Amino acid sequence: MTSRLLQRSLGSPDYDGIRQALRHDTSIPVISVRGLEVRLAVLPLFTHDGRQAVRVSCTGLIGSDLEISLKDVDSQTGTDVTLLVPEVHEPRTFTLEVRDAEGVIGTAEVTVTPQRKWSVFVVHHSHLDIGYTDPQGTVLRHHLEYLDAAVRLAGETASWPDDARFRWTVESSMPAAKWLAARPKEQVERFNQAAREGIIEVTAFPVQLHTEACSTEELYRQLRQVFDFPVRSAMHTDVPGAVVGLVDALNAAGVLYLAAAHNWAGRSVPYLHGGDKLTRPFWWQAPSGRRVLVWFTDTPHGMAYMEGNTVGLTDSYELADDLLPRYLSALATRGYPYGPGTFGWQGPDAPREPYELDVLHLRVQGAHADNAGPSIVPASIARRWNEQWAWPRLRSAVNSDFFEHVEERYGDRLAVHEGDWTDWWADGLGSGARPLGYVRRAQSSLRAAETLHTLAGVDATEQISAAYDKVALFNEHTWGAANPWEDAEEAGDSGGLQWTRKSAGAYDAQDDAADLLHAGIRRFGATLGDQDAPAFAVFNPGTHARTDVVKAFLPRDIVPIERPIALRDARTGAILPHHEEVVHPDDWPTRPIGRHLRAVVPDVPGYGYARVEVVPAGTQAPEPVELGPEPVIENEFYRVAYDLREGYIRSIFDKVAGRELVNADAAAGFGQYVYDRYATAPHFNHMSGHVGAHDRTLLGDRAIARNAALVKAERTAVGEKLVVELQGKGVDWLRTTIELHRGVPRLDLTYQLAKQGTPAKEAVFLAFPFAAGAPAAWELTGGVGGPGVPRVPGSAEYMLPIRHWIGYEDPELTIAWATLEAPLVQLGTIHMPYAPFPPTLEDEPGTVYSWALNNIWDTNFPAQQQGETTFRYAVTSAAGVEARRLGARAAAGLTEPFIGILGGGSAVRDYVRVDHPDVLVTSLGRSEDGLVVRLQSLAPEPVEVRVTVPGLRAARVSPGLRTGLVPGEVDGESVKVVLPACGVAAVWGTLEDR
């Protein structure tokens, strides 16, 4: 009984079960008599002499070998036989007869139909999980050894027929770069030669990324060319979705082919959201008009990059001979090759047309596992196969071989799909909220750090790129072990070790970014004159001039802390009210001694600075003034009222527009903490993939924060602030800080919570119900989304991974909401986190639910999270401003804060100007003879912008951020640049010596 008792958990079948389902689903019963069942399959198999195959399988009460025949054509003895008939070009009927020693058992009239003559490109690779199956370092060392083996196997099969030679595609290029740096010169040359000959292909992604976690600049940098041979294609594996900006980024890297193998893992239901309309090869087009040719490995239930392994291509010729033709037959005749439930999780099939072409991209790995090494078996099977069969023709291929074949023969007839391909696994980003927040801060700091180094005449490209590489390693899709709740030292139970290294990488990346920004500040300050002078250059790393708050540190050794000071705007002589917080050695002996200053500086030019002088004053800066018991603050633009009884912001009143921004009738209050617990058990591998939620049954508990206490309500020279502390489930404490600054049309919100660690399935939301209709636009990596913006069919719909902002607009008022650390949002309602993701609340179009953190995965992502975590948001409003422009303005206060830099300098200076409100300068970098101005457009149509750089005397323009440079016509100190819709470009400028 033991073997029957210990069945695989949760109903997940093994490969034998999947394969048996394929056999059953691709054959029909033709004879059933005396306990014998005979099934027949007409398959796309052709011999070299012009015959095609019919497979017959017999099961049941079989006393002896059977003679099976198609009368007058072919016969064989056995229970599973392949019979050959002359190739048919229209349906033809034959008589099937089954006999044993006693005579005829049964006969049937069967129809043989014409079959396709397939070309199958077998692409051998290893799916790189940096972790998951072993600790990260172990995995990467294994992949380097795989490349040793690949070079050897390529040499050993050099004399084989070309279609059968061993070929290897490096799915993720990081191991190749590491290998080339760690192997002897002779081995490196053999590798490079194999790459030039198309025997080994290195593809574009260094690792497999959650692209929605990437900033636009990070995405472009990760696709930079670093090899001595061209990189022509990319592979996007496992992660079920990618950002719209990927298309332009691939184009900029010279990559026009993308093989996508999405793993639904039971949590994703693209076939319920238009995925049935997504053809396997298609053109994916960005708003810019650029496009890539995509091969999409698709089943509704999750085979993805294991297709070739499932049909036996790493097992044996005999198994492949049995299964591959059946798989091809299923593709040609059915919407999906496998039926519901085949992989252990249930889901309906959507109606879909069968696959229409006669060419197939078929991935194969050396074993039935992630991080599997190369094997000679697929090439050996291809060699024997092509000797045995004329069709299908198997080619041991590299990734781009397939695309060149398809583009040449079918390129002009393929479907075109546009827009974002929203990732169904993006919810996993919320499982590591604290390190994710550090990474998102690092992305912002790195842009400012590179800009300041550039303006200081220092080329920090190498250090900046290294920091971006660390950021990308965190954004790599493997966030935890196969069993992340375990803490072993090796294999898939090494969850503790893997998450320790993964999260430490995020903190390390943030430290590197902070170090680079710190150095950039000092280096830039040195160019302005005496850094010990009592003055600050208040630098605006955003594109457009704005009024905002600056935070700066004045060391004691420049101005003693007991000496009263004032801040004077060097442009106008006006005194700027400021607030001081003194760091005294008695209180903080371990920190620099001096004063932290805050002041609002008006109209600081984008990519420029305004000088603020520290001058003597008659009295010390005023102390904060307590506002009293009423939790209300205001400035020139807003009046904000907090409801202590309910624990949320009751009102945000726009004083200029005379309009309330908060929907008082919403289900949740503005800024309210919402904690959901789910009635599913933790610590079961892939359990979430087997759980369906068609109602709210699995919503075990929902709670909100209560017992609000007003701990601070104060007015300073800079603005007003409320600090409220609350109690809530899932946290030890929750603190909300609400700030308005004088002269700044923006509300700043900070939520700090001390998360309790628990393996229970949970989610934290912060609700923001606006008195508005549905959002008009939101920021994506490399693009802008919105209700009317196309998306690739099958994209996730219940959630959005945004970059930083969402905008609402109506004829009277535009409202913008921005987030720094937390990218996940749900619009209008909170959904259950299990497929098919039903809503749990009535829809409110104007409500944003920030999905701050969660623990709903059972594998690959951390099993719990804890510790103090910060989430920052901003709200602004204005009349007559487009949503995308106001959204960028709201986000700038979070992502591009003013920087106070000790030093002299002129009263005001700018370094770059653009004359289009939808074009942003994302950063400045160094070139050989000047600087690089990186641009990004938010506009839904092509725009022309003039980029002005003081001292510009020559320029080249790139349609990407690094490639395709063409001369630009400089007029004065300006150059004209045309950016495609939501596109990027770069100006490589040569400057006069000054």
Foldseek 3Di string as FASTA:
>chain_A
DVVVVPDDPLQFDDLVLLLVQLVVVQWAWFDDAPQKTKIKHFFLFFFPVAKGKIKIAMDTDDDDWKWKDQPPAFIDIHRIDIGIHHADAAKDWTKIWIADPVGTGDIGIDIHGHDFFFAEAEAEEFADDCFAFKHNVVLLVLVLVLVVVLLVQQVVQVVAPQQLRQAHEYQACQSVVVNLVPDDPVSNVSVVVCCQVQRYAYAFANFQFPQQLDFQVLLLLRRADDDPHQHAEHEHFAWQFHALQNQQSCVLSNYQEYEYFYFCLLFAQLQVFQPLVDAQWAWEAELLRGTHTYGYDDDRHGCGQAQCVSQPLLPALVSVVVRVRSQVSLQQQASHSGAACSRSAGDHHHHHHGHDDRYYHHYHYNDDDHSGHDDSRNSVSLSVSVVGTVGPRGGHGHDVVRVVVCCVPPVVPHHYFYGTQATSCVQLVQAAQFLLLLLLLLVLLLQLLQFLCQLLVHFCPVLSSVLSVLSRLLRRQQQFYLFLVACDNTTRRNNVSNNVVSSVSSVVSSVSSVVSSVVSLASSQVVAADLLAQKWWWAFQWFAWFKDKEKDWDACVSPNQVFAKWKAQQVPRDTWQKDWDFDDCVNCVPDGGTIIMMTIDGGAGHQKTFMIGIGGDDDHFDDWDAPDDFQWFDAPFWIWGADQQQGATQWTAGPVLRDTWADNPDPDHAQKKKKWFFQDDARDRSVLSRDADPACPRRPDMDIWGNKDWPGWTAGSFTTKTKIKTDDPQFPIKIKMWIDTYPHQKIKIKIKTFGDKDLTWMWIKTKHFTPAAAWAWFAGNLAIDGPPGTYGRSHDDQKGQGSWKIWTDDQRKIKMKTKRSFRIKGAQFQFDSGPPTHGHDGGDRRMIIGGSHTQHHRGSRNSIDGGMHMIMMMMGMDHPDDGQLVHVVRCSCVSGNIHIRRHHHDRMDRFKHKDDSQKIFSHWRDDPAHIKTKIWGHASAKDKIKMFGVQFDWKWKAQARDDDTDTFDQDHRITIDIHGGSGMMMIHTHGDDD
